[in-house]
Amino acid sequence: MNTEIIVDGVNGYIIPPNDLEALIKMMFWVMENPDKIEKIGKTNREKSRRYHIDTVWPELMNYVI
């Protein structure tokens, strides 16, 4: 179900299940590319704002009233 949330290379990386070699390669890649990981973090922080209570609450109230 990760692919429903994670867009590979945009807001995270998908590693095949039970693929230790792929995991190790990704871990080394992450250590060698901190700038790209920072960009992914920024993308996720921006994306998470739409789930903040100040954003969600007014939308929910439209359904109650």
N, C-alpha and C. Protein backbone atom coordinates (compact mmCIF):
# COMPACT_ATOMS: atom_id res chain seq x y z
N MET A 1 0.82 -1.20 0.00
CA MET A 1 0.00 0.00 0.00
C MET A 1 0.86 1.26 0.00
N ASN A 2 2.17 1.12 0.14
CA ASN A 2 3.04 2.29 0.18
C ASN A 2 2.92 3.15 -1.07
N THR A 3 2.69 2.53 -2.20
CA THR A 3 2.63 3.29 -3.45
C THR A 3 1.40 4.20 -3.52
N GLU A 4 0.44 4.01 -2.63
CA GLU A 4 -0.70 4.93 -2.58
C GLU A 4 -0.33 6.24 -1.91
N ILE A 5 0.73 6.21 -1.11
CA ILE A 5 1.15 7.39 -0.36
C ILE A 5 2.45 7.95 -0.92
N ILE A 6 3.36 7.07 -1.28
CA ILE A 6 4.69 7.50 -1.70
C ILE A 6 4.80 7.49 -3.22
N VAL A 7 5.24 8.62 -3.74
CA VAL A 7 5.57 8.72 -5.17
C VAL A 7 7.09 8.58 -5.23
N ASP A 8 7.55 7.47 -5.77
CA ASP A 8 8.97 7.14 -5.75
C ASP A 8 9.82 8.27 -6.33
N GLY A 9 10.74 8.75 -5.50
CA GLY A 9 11.63 9.82 -5.93
C GLY A 9 11.09 11.22 -5.70
N VAL A 10 9.82 11.33 -5.34
CA VAL A 10 9.21 12.65 -5.11
C VAL A 10 9.07 12.91 -3.62
N ASN A 11 8.40 12.01 -2.92
CA ASN A 11 8.23 12.19 -1.48
C ASN A 11 8.73 10.97 -0.69
N GLY A 12 9.53 10.17 -1.33
CA GLY A 12 10.11 9.00 -0.69
C GLY A 12 10.64 8.06 -1.74
N TYR A 13 11.05 6.89 -1.30
CA TYR A 13 11.55 5.88 -2.22
C TYR A 13 10.94 4.54 -1.88
N ILE A 14 10.57 3.81 -2.90
CA ILE A 14 9.98 2.48 -2.73
C ILE A 14 11.10 1.45 -2.92
N ILE A 15 11.23 0.60 -1.94
CA ILE A 15 12.18 -0.50 -2.00
C ILE A 15 11.38 -1.79 -2.00
N PRO A 16 11.69 -2.70 -2.91
CA PRO A 16 10.93 -3.96 -2.96
C PRO A 16 11.02 -4.71 -1.62
N PRO A 17 9.94 -5.34 -1.22
CA PRO A 17 9.95 -6.10 0.04
C PRO A 17 11.00 -7.21 -0.01
N ASN A 18 11.60 -7.44 1.13
CA ASN A 18 12.57 -8.54 1.30
C ASN A 18 13.77 -8.44 0.37
N ASP A 19 14.10 -7.24 -0.07
CA ASP A 19 15.25 -7.05 -0.96
C ASP A 19 16.34 -6.31 -0.17
N LEU A 20 17.13 -7.09 0.55
CA LEU A 20 18.16 -6.53 1.40
C LEU A 20 19.18 -5.74 0.59
N GLU A 21 19.55 -6.23 -0.58
CA GLU A 21 20.52 -5.53 -1.41
C GLU A 21 20.00 -4.15 -1.82
N ALA A 22 18.73 -4.07 -2.20
CA ALA A 22 18.14 -2.78 -2.58
C ALA A 22 18.11 -1.83 -1.39
N LEU A 23 17.81 -2.36 -0.21
CA LEU A 23 17.79 -1.53 1.00
C LEU A 23 19.18 -0.97 1.30
N ILE A 24 20.19 -1.82 1.21
CA ILE A 24 21.56 -1.37 1.47
C ILE A 24 21.98 -0.32 0.45
N LYS A 25 21.68 -0.55 -0.81
CA LYS A 25 22.02 0.44 -1.85
C LYS A 25 21.34 1.78 -1.57
N MET A 26 20.06 1.72 -1.18
CA MET A 26 19.32 2.95 -0.90
C MET A 26 19.90 3.67 0.32
N MET A 27 20.30 2.93 1.32
CA MET A 27 20.87 3.55 2.51
C MET A 27 22.17 4.28 2.16
N PHE A 28 23.00 3.68 1.33
CA PHE A 28 24.23 4.36 0.90
C PHE A 28 23.90 5.57 0.04
N TRP A 29 22.91 5.43 -0.83
CA TRP A 29 22.51 6.54 -1.69
C TRP A 29 22.04 7.72 -0.84
N VAL A 30 21.25 7.43 0.18
CA VAL A 30 20.74 8.47 1.08
C VAL A 30 21.90 9.20 1.75
N MET A 31 22.88 8.46 2.24
CA MET A 31 24.03 9.08 2.90
C MET A 31 24.83 9.94 1.94
N GLU A 32 24.84 9.59 0.67
CA GLU A 32 25.61 10.32 -0.33
C GLU A 32 24.85 11.48 -0.96
N ASN A 33 23.54 11.59 -0.69
CA ASN A 33 22.69 12.60 -1.33
C ASN A 33 21.82 13.34 -0.31
N PRO A 34 22.42 13.94 0.70
CA PRO A 34 21.60 14.62 1.72
C PRO A 34 20.76 15.76 1.15
N ASP A 35 21.21 16.40 0.08
CA ASP A 35 20.43 17.49 -0.51
C ASP A 35 19.11 17.00 -1.08
N LYS A 36 19.12 15.83 -1.68
CA LYS A 36 17.88 15.28 -2.24
C LYS A 36 16.94 14.82 -1.13
N ILE A 37 17.49 14.32 -0.05
CA ILE A 37 16.67 13.90 1.08
C ILE A 37 16.05 15.13 1.74
N GLU A 38 16.79 16.21 1.82
CA GLU A 38 16.24 17.46 2.36
C GLU A 38 15.08 17.95 1.51
N LYS A 39 15.21 17.85 0.19
CA LYS A 39 14.13 18.27 -0.71
C LYS A 39 12.88 17.41 -0.49
N ILE A 40 13.07 16.11 -0.32
CA ILE A 40 11.94 15.22 -0.06
C ILE A 40 11.28 15.60 1.26
N GLY A 41 12.09 15.90 2.28
CA GLY A 41 11.55 16.33 3.56
C GLY A 41 10.72 17.59 3.42
N LYS A 42 11.23 18.55 2.66
CA LYS A 42 10.51 19.80 2.43
C LYS A 42 9.18 19.53 1.72
N THR A 43 9.21 18.69 0.71
CA THR A 43 7.99 18.33 -0.02
C THR A 43 6.97 17.72 0.93
N ASN A 44 7.41 16.83 1.80
CA ASN A 44 6.48 16.18 2.72
C ASN A 44 5.94 17.15 3.76
N ARG A 45 6.77 18.06 4.24
CA ARG A 45 6.27 19.05 5.19
C ARG A 45 5.22 19.94 4.55
N GLU A 46 5.46 20.36 3.31
CA GLU A 46 4.48 21.19 2.61
C GLU A 46 3.18 20.42 2.37
N LYS A 47 3.32 19.17 1.97
CA LYS A 47 2.15 18.34 1.70
C LYS A 47 1.33 18.08 2.97
N SER A 48 2.03 17.96 4.09
CA SER A 48 1.34 17.65 5.35
C SER A 48 0.47 18.80 5.84
N ARG A 49 0.73 20.01 5.37
CA ARG A 49 -0.06 21.17 5.81
C ARG A 49 -1.54 21.02 5.47
N ARG A 50 -1.85 20.28 4.42
CA ARG A 50 -3.28 20.15 4.10
C ARG A 50 -4.02 19.27 5.10
N TYR A 51 -3.28 18.58 5.97
CA TYR A 51 -3.91 17.74 6.99
C TYR A 51 -3.87 18.38 8.37
N HIS A 52 -3.37 19.62 8.45
CA HIS A 52 -3.32 20.34 9.72
C HIS A 52 -4.76 20.64 10.15
N ILE A 53 -4.99 20.63 11.46
CA ILE A 53 -6.34 20.84 11.98
C ILE A 53 -6.94 22.16 11.51
N ASP A 54 -6.13 23.20 11.36
CA ASP A 54 -6.65 24.50 10.91
C ASP A 54 -7.15 24.44 9.47
N THR A 55 -6.66 23.49 8.70
CA THR A 55 -7.11 23.32 7.33
C THR A 55 -8.29 22.36 7.25
N VAL A 56 -8.21 21.29 8.00
CA VAL A 56 -9.22 20.22 7.93
C VAL A 56 -10.51 20.61 8.63
N TRP A 57 -10.41 21.27 9.78
CA TRP A 57 -11.61 21.58 10.57
C TRP A 57 -12.65 22.39 9.80
N PRO A 58 -12.28 23.49 9.14
CA PRO A 58 -13.30 24.24 8.40
C PRO A 58 -13.97 23.39 7.30
N GLU A 59 -13.21 22.54 6.68
CA GLU A 59 -13.79 21.67 5.64
C GLU A 59 -14.78 20.69 6.26
N LEU A 60 -14.44 20.14 7.42
CA LEU A 60 -15.35 19.21 8.10
C LEU A 60 -16.62 19.91 8.53
N MET A 61 -16.51 21.15 8.95
CA MET A 61 -17.68 21.89 9.41
C MET A 61 -18.68 22.13 8.29
N ASN A 62 -18.22 22.15 7.05
CA ASN A 62 -19.13 22.29 5.92
C ASN A 62 -20.10 21.11 5.82
N TYR A 63 -19.67 19.96 6.31
CA TYR A 63 -20.51 18.77 6.24
C TYR A 63 -21.47 18.69 7.42
N VAL A 64 -21.13 19.34 8.51
CA VAL A 64 -21.95 19.29 9.71
C VAL A 64 -23.10 20.27 9.64
N ILE A 65 -22.83 21.42 9.08
CA ILE A 65 -23.85 22.49 9.04
C ILE A 65 -24.75 22.33 7.84
